[in-house]
């Protein structure tokens, strides 16, 4: 019994206080939990970025296409058989 107490005391005295504090402040129980959370957040951010890029509209090209279409229709070449007046 006494030997076990001595061993506990020695282990307590040789501990790294900085490592102990880091363990207390760490919200994850295991390295795997930490990795999974970080990787999940990374993948979620990448997916969100891809969705934002897919929804962006290239307004410069869209404006040019509309202007070209207006010129084409103004010349009466739109393929419509209706009279312009």
N, C-alpha and C. Protein backbone atom coordinates (compact mmCIF):
# COMPACT_ATOMS: atom_id res chain seq x y z
N UNK A 1 0.83 -1.20 0.00
CA UNK A 1 0.00 0.00 0.00
C UNK A 1 0.87 1.26 0.00
N UNK A 2 1.87 1.26 0.86
CA UNK A 2 2.73 2.43 0.97
C UNK A 2 3.53 2.66 -0.31
N UNK A 3 3.96 1.59 -0.94
CA UNK A 3 4.71 1.69 -2.20
C UNK A 3 3.84 2.31 -3.29
N UNK A 4 2.58 1.95 -3.33
CA UNK A 4 1.65 2.49 -4.31
C UNK A 4 1.46 4.00 -4.10
N UNK A 5 1.37 4.41 -2.87
CA UNK A 5 1.23 5.84 -2.57
C UNK A 5 2.47 6.61 -2.99
N UNK A 6 3.64 6.01 -2.78
CA UNK A 6 4.89 6.66 -3.18
C UNK A 6 4.92 6.81 -4.70
N UNK A 7 4.50 5.78 -5.40
CA UNK A 7 4.48 5.84 -6.86
C UNK A 7 3.52 6.93 -7.35
N UNK A 8 2.37 7.03 -6.74
CA UNK A 8 1.41 8.08 -7.10
C UNK A 8 2.00 9.46 -6.86
N UNK A 9 2.69 9.60 -5.72
CA UNK A 9 3.28 10.89 -5.38
C UNK A 9 4.35 11.27 -6.40
N UNK A 10 5.20 10.32 -6.75
CA UNK A 10 6.28 10.57 -7.72
C UNK A 10 5.67 10.93 -9.09
N UNK A 11 4.66 10.22 -9.51
CA UNK A 11 4.02 10.52 -10.80
C UNK A 11 3.39 11.91 -10.78
N UNK A 12 2.78 12.27 -9.65
CA UNK A 12 2.17 13.58 -9.53
C UNK A 12 3.23 14.68 -9.59
N UNK A 13 4.35 14.47 -8.94
CA UNK A 13 5.41 15.48 -8.91
C UNK A 13 6.12 15.60 -10.25
N UNK A 14 6.14 14.55 -11.06
CA UNK A 14 6.85 14.58 -12.34
C UNK A 14 5.95 14.96 -13.51
N UNK A 15 4.71 15.24 -13.23
CA UNK A 15 3.78 15.56 -14.32
C UNK A 15 4.16 16.90 -14.96
N UNK A 16 3.74 17.08 -16.18
CA UNK A 16 3.97 18.33 -16.92
C UNK A 16 2.75 19.22 -16.68
N UNK A 17 2.89 20.31 -15.95
CA UNK A 17 1.72 21.15 -15.64
C UNK A 17 1.09 21.78 -16.89
N UNK A 18 1.90 22.06 -17.89
CA UNK A 18 1.37 22.64 -19.12
C UNK A 18 0.52 21.63 -19.89
N UNK A 19 0.99 20.40 -19.92
CA UNK A 19 0.23 19.33 -20.58
C UNK A 19 -1.07 19.07 -19.84
N UNK A 20 -1.02 19.08 -18.52
CA UNK A 20 -2.23 18.87 -17.73
C UNK A 20 -3.26 19.97 -18.00
N UNK A 21 -2.81 21.21 -18.06
CA UNK A 21 -3.73 22.32 -18.33
C UNK A 21 -4.33 22.19 -19.73
N UNK A 22 -3.48 21.80 -20.70
CA UNK A 22 -3.97 21.64 -22.06
C UNK A 22 -5.04 20.54 -22.12
N UNK A 23 -4.85 19.48 -21.40
CA UNK A 23 -5.83 18.39 -21.37
C UNK A 23 -7.16 18.87 -20.77
N UNK A 24 -7.10 19.69 -19.72
CA UNK A 24 -8.32 20.20 -19.10
C UNK A 24 -9.07 21.14 -20.03
N UNK A 25 -8.32 21.92 -20.83
CA UNK A 25 -8.95 22.90 -21.71
C UNK A 25 -9.43 22.28 -23.03
N UNK A 26 -8.96 21.09 -23.34
CA UNK A 26 -9.31 20.43 -24.59
C UNK A 26 -10.73 19.88 -24.49
N UNK A 27 -11.58 20.24 -25.45
CA UNK A 27 -12.97 19.80 -25.41
C UNK A 27 -13.15 18.38 -25.96
N UNK A 28 -12.11 17.80 -26.53
CA UNK A 28 -12.22 16.48 -27.14
C UNK A 28 -11.65 15.41 -26.22
N UNK A 29 -12.30 14.27 -26.22
CA UNK A 29 -11.84 13.17 -25.38
C UNK A 29 -10.65 12.44 -26.00
N UNK A 30 -10.65 12.33 -27.33
CA UNK A 30 -9.59 11.58 -28.01
C UNK A 30 -9.05 12.38 -29.19
N UNK A 31 -7.90 11.96 -29.67
CA UNK A 31 -7.32 12.58 -30.87
C UNK A 31 -8.25 12.39 -32.06
N UNK A 32 -8.92 11.22 -32.12
CA UNK A 32 -9.83 10.95 -33.22
C UNK A 32 -10.99 11.94 -33.23
N UNK A 33 -11.55 12.23 -32.05
CA UNK A 33 -12.65 13.20 -31.97
C UNK A 33 -12.19 14.57 -32.46
N UNK A 34 -10.99 14.97 -32.07
CA UNK A 34 -10.45 16.25 -32.50
C UNK A 34 -10.28 16.28 -34.02
N UNK A 35 -9.66 15.22 -34.59
CA UNK A 35 -9.45 15.14 -36.02
C UNK A 35 -10.78 15.17 -36.77
N UNK A 36 -11.75 14.39 -36.30
CA UNK A 36 -13.04 14.31 -36.98
C UNK A 36 -13.73 15.67 -36.99
N UNK A 37 -13.68 16.38 -35.89
CA UNK A 37 -14.32 17.69 -35.82
C UNK A 37 -13.64 18.68 -36.76
N UNK A 38 -12.33 18.72 -36.74
CA UNK A 38 -11.59 19.65 -37.61
C UNK A 38 -11.84 19.31 -39.07
N UNK A 39 -11.78 18.04 -39.42
CA UNK A 39 -11.96 17.63 -40.82
C UNK A 39 -13.40 17.88 -41.27
N UNK A 40 -14.37 17.62 -40.41
CA UNK A 40 -15.77 17.89 -40.75
C UNK A 40 -15.96 19.37 -41.03
N UNK A 41 -15.41 20.22 -40.17
CA UNK A 41 -15.54 21.67 -40.38
C UNK A 41 -14.87 22.11 -41.67
N UNK A 42 -13.71 21.53 -41.99
CA UNK A 42 -13.01 21.86 -43.24
C UNK A 42 -13.86 21.47 -44.45
N UNK A 43 -14.41 20.27 -44.42
CA UNK A 43 -15.23 19.81 -45.54
C UNK A 43 -16.51 20.64 -45.67
N UNK A 44 -17.10 21.02 -44.56
CA UNK A 44 -18.31 21.85 -44.59
C UNK A 44 -18.01 23.21 -45.20
N UNK A 45 -16.86 23.79 -44.85
CA UNK A 45 -16.49 25.09 -45.42
C UNK A 45 -16.23 24.98 -46.92
N UNK A 46 -15.56 23.90 -47.34
CA UNK A 46 -15.32 23.70 -48.78
C UNK A 46 -16.64 23.55 -49.54
N UNK A 47 -17.57 22.79 -48.98
CA UNK A 47 -18.87 22.60 -49.64
C UNK A 47 -19.62 23.92 -49.73
N UNK A 48 -19.59 24.71 -48.67
CA UNK A 48 -20.27 26.01 -48.67
C UNK A 48 -19.65 26.93 -49.72
N UNK A 49 -18.34 26.89 -49.85
CA UNK A 49 -17.66 27.72 -50.84
C UNK A 49 -18.06 27.28 -52.25
N UNK A 50 -18.14 25.97 -52.49
CA UNK A 50 -18.55 25.48 -53.82
C UNK A 50 -19.98 25.92 -54.14
N UNK A 51 -20.86 25.87 -53.14
CA UNK A 51 -22.24 26.29 -53.36
C UNK A 51 -22.32 27.78 -53.67
N UNK A 52 -21.52 28.58 -52.96
CA UNK A 52 -21.51 30.02 -53.22
C UNK A 52 -21.00 30.32 -54.62
N UNK A 53 -19.94 29.62 -55.04
CA UNK A 53 -19.39 29.82 -56.38
C UNK A 53 -20.40 29.42 -57.44
N UNK A 54 -21.16 28.38 -57.19
CA UNK A 54 -22.15 27.92 -58.17
C UNK A 54 -23.30 28.91 -58.30
N UNK A 55 -23.58 29.65 -57.23
CA UNK A 55 -24.70 30.59 -57.26
C UNK A 55 -24.29 31.98 -57.75
N UNK A 56 -22.97 32.23 -57.84
CA UNK A 56 -22.54 33.54 -58.30
C UNK A 56 -22.95 33.73 -59.75
N UNK A 57 -23.31 34.95 -60.09
CA UNK A 57 -23.70 35.26 -61.46
C UNK A 57 -22.62 36.15 -62.04
N UNK A 58 -22.20 35.82 -63.23
CA UNK A 58 -21.20 36.63 -63.91
C UNK A 58 -21.92 37.79 -64.59
N UNK A 59 -22.09 38.89 -63.85
CA UNK A 59 -22.89 40.01 -64.35
C UNK A 59 -22.27 40.66 -65.57
N UNK A 60 -20.96 40.68 -65.70
CA UNK A 60 -20.32 41.31 -66.86
C UNK A 60 -20.71 40.56 -68.12
N UNK A 61 -20.56 39.26 -68.12
CA UNK A 61 -20.90 38.47 -69.31
C UNK A 61 -22.40 38.50 -69.57
N UNK A 62 -23.21 38.51 -68.52
CA UNK A 62 -24.66 38.54 -68.71
C UNK A 62 -25.08 39.85 -69.38
N UNK A 63 -24.49 40.98 -68.96
CA UNK A 63 -24.81 42.26 -69.57
C UNK A 63 -24.41 42.28 -71.04
N UNK A 64 -23.25 41.72 -71.37
CA UNK A 64 -22.81 41.69 -72.76
C UNK A 64 -23.76 40.85 -73.61
N UNK A 65 -24.21 39.73 -73.06
CA UNK A 65 -25.13 38.88 -73.82
C UNK A 65 -26.45 39.59 -74.07
N UNK A 66 -26.95 40.32 -73.08
CA UNK A 66 -28.21 41.05 -73.26
C UNK A 66 -28.06 42.13 -74.30
N UNK A 67 -26.93 42.85 -74.30
CA UNK A 67 -26.72 43.91 -75.28
C UNK A 67 -26.65 43.33 -76.68
N UNK A 68 -25.94 42.22 -76.85
CA UNK A 68 -25.85 41.57 -78.16
C UNK A 68 -27.24 41.14 -78.62
N UNK A 69 -28.03 40.62 -77.71
CA UNK A 69 -29.38 40.18 -78.06
C UNK A 69 -30.24 41.36 -78.48
N UNK A 70 -30.11 42.51 -77.82
CA UNK A 70 -30.89 43.69 -78.20
C UNK A 70 -30.54 44.14 -79.60
N UNK A 71 -29.26 44.16 -79.95
CA UNK A 71 -28.83 44.57 -81.29
C UNK A 71 -29.39 43.60 -82.33
N UNK A 72 -29.35 42.34 -82.00
CA UNK A 72 -29.83 41.33 -82.93
C UNK A 72 -31.32 41.52 -83.18
N UNK A 73 -32.09 41.75 -82.13
CA UNK A 73 -33.52 41.95 -82.28
C UNK A 73 -33.84 43.28 -82.96
N UNK A 74 -33.04 44.31 -82.73
CA UNK A 74 -33.30 45.63 -83.31
C UNK A 74 -33.16 45.60 -84.83
N UNK A 75 -32.34 44.70 -85.33
CA UNK A 75 -32.15 44.63 -86.78
C UNK A 75 -33.26 43.80 -87.42
N UNK A 76 -34.16 43.28 -86.64
CA UNK A 76 -35.25 42.50 -87.21
C UNK A 76 -34.84 41.10 -87.58
N UNK A 77 -33.77 40.60 -87.01
CA UNK A 77 -33.26 39.28 -87.36
C UNK A 77 -33.55 38.26 -86.28
N UNK A 78 -34.47 38.54 -85.42
CA UNK A 78 -34.72 37.65 -84.29
C UNK A 78 -35.44 36.37 -84.70
N UNK A 79 -35.88 36.30 -85.90
CA UNK A 79 -36.60 35.11 -86.35
C UNK A 79 -38.09 35.27 -86.15
N UNK A 80 -38.52 36.35 -85.57
CA UNK A 80 -39.93 36.57 -85.36
C UNK A 80 -40.53 37.15 -86.64
N UNK A 81 -41.73 36.73 -86.95
CA UNK A 81 -42.36 37.20 -88.18
C UNK A 81 -43.24 38.42 -87.92
N UNK A 82 -43.25 38.89 -86.65
CA UNK A 82 -44.10 40.04 -86.33
C UNK A 82 -43.46 41.32 -86.84
N UNK A 83 -44.31 42.26 -87.21
CA UNK A 83 -43.81 43.57 -87.64
C UNK A 83 -43.31 44.34 -86.43
N UNK A 84 -42.26 45.16 -86.59
CA UNK A 84 -41.70 45.89 -85.46
C UNK A 84 -42.58 47.01 -84.95
N UNK A 85 -43.70 47.33 -85.62
CA UNK A 85 -44.59 48.40 -85.16
C UNK A 85 -45.99 47.94 -84.97
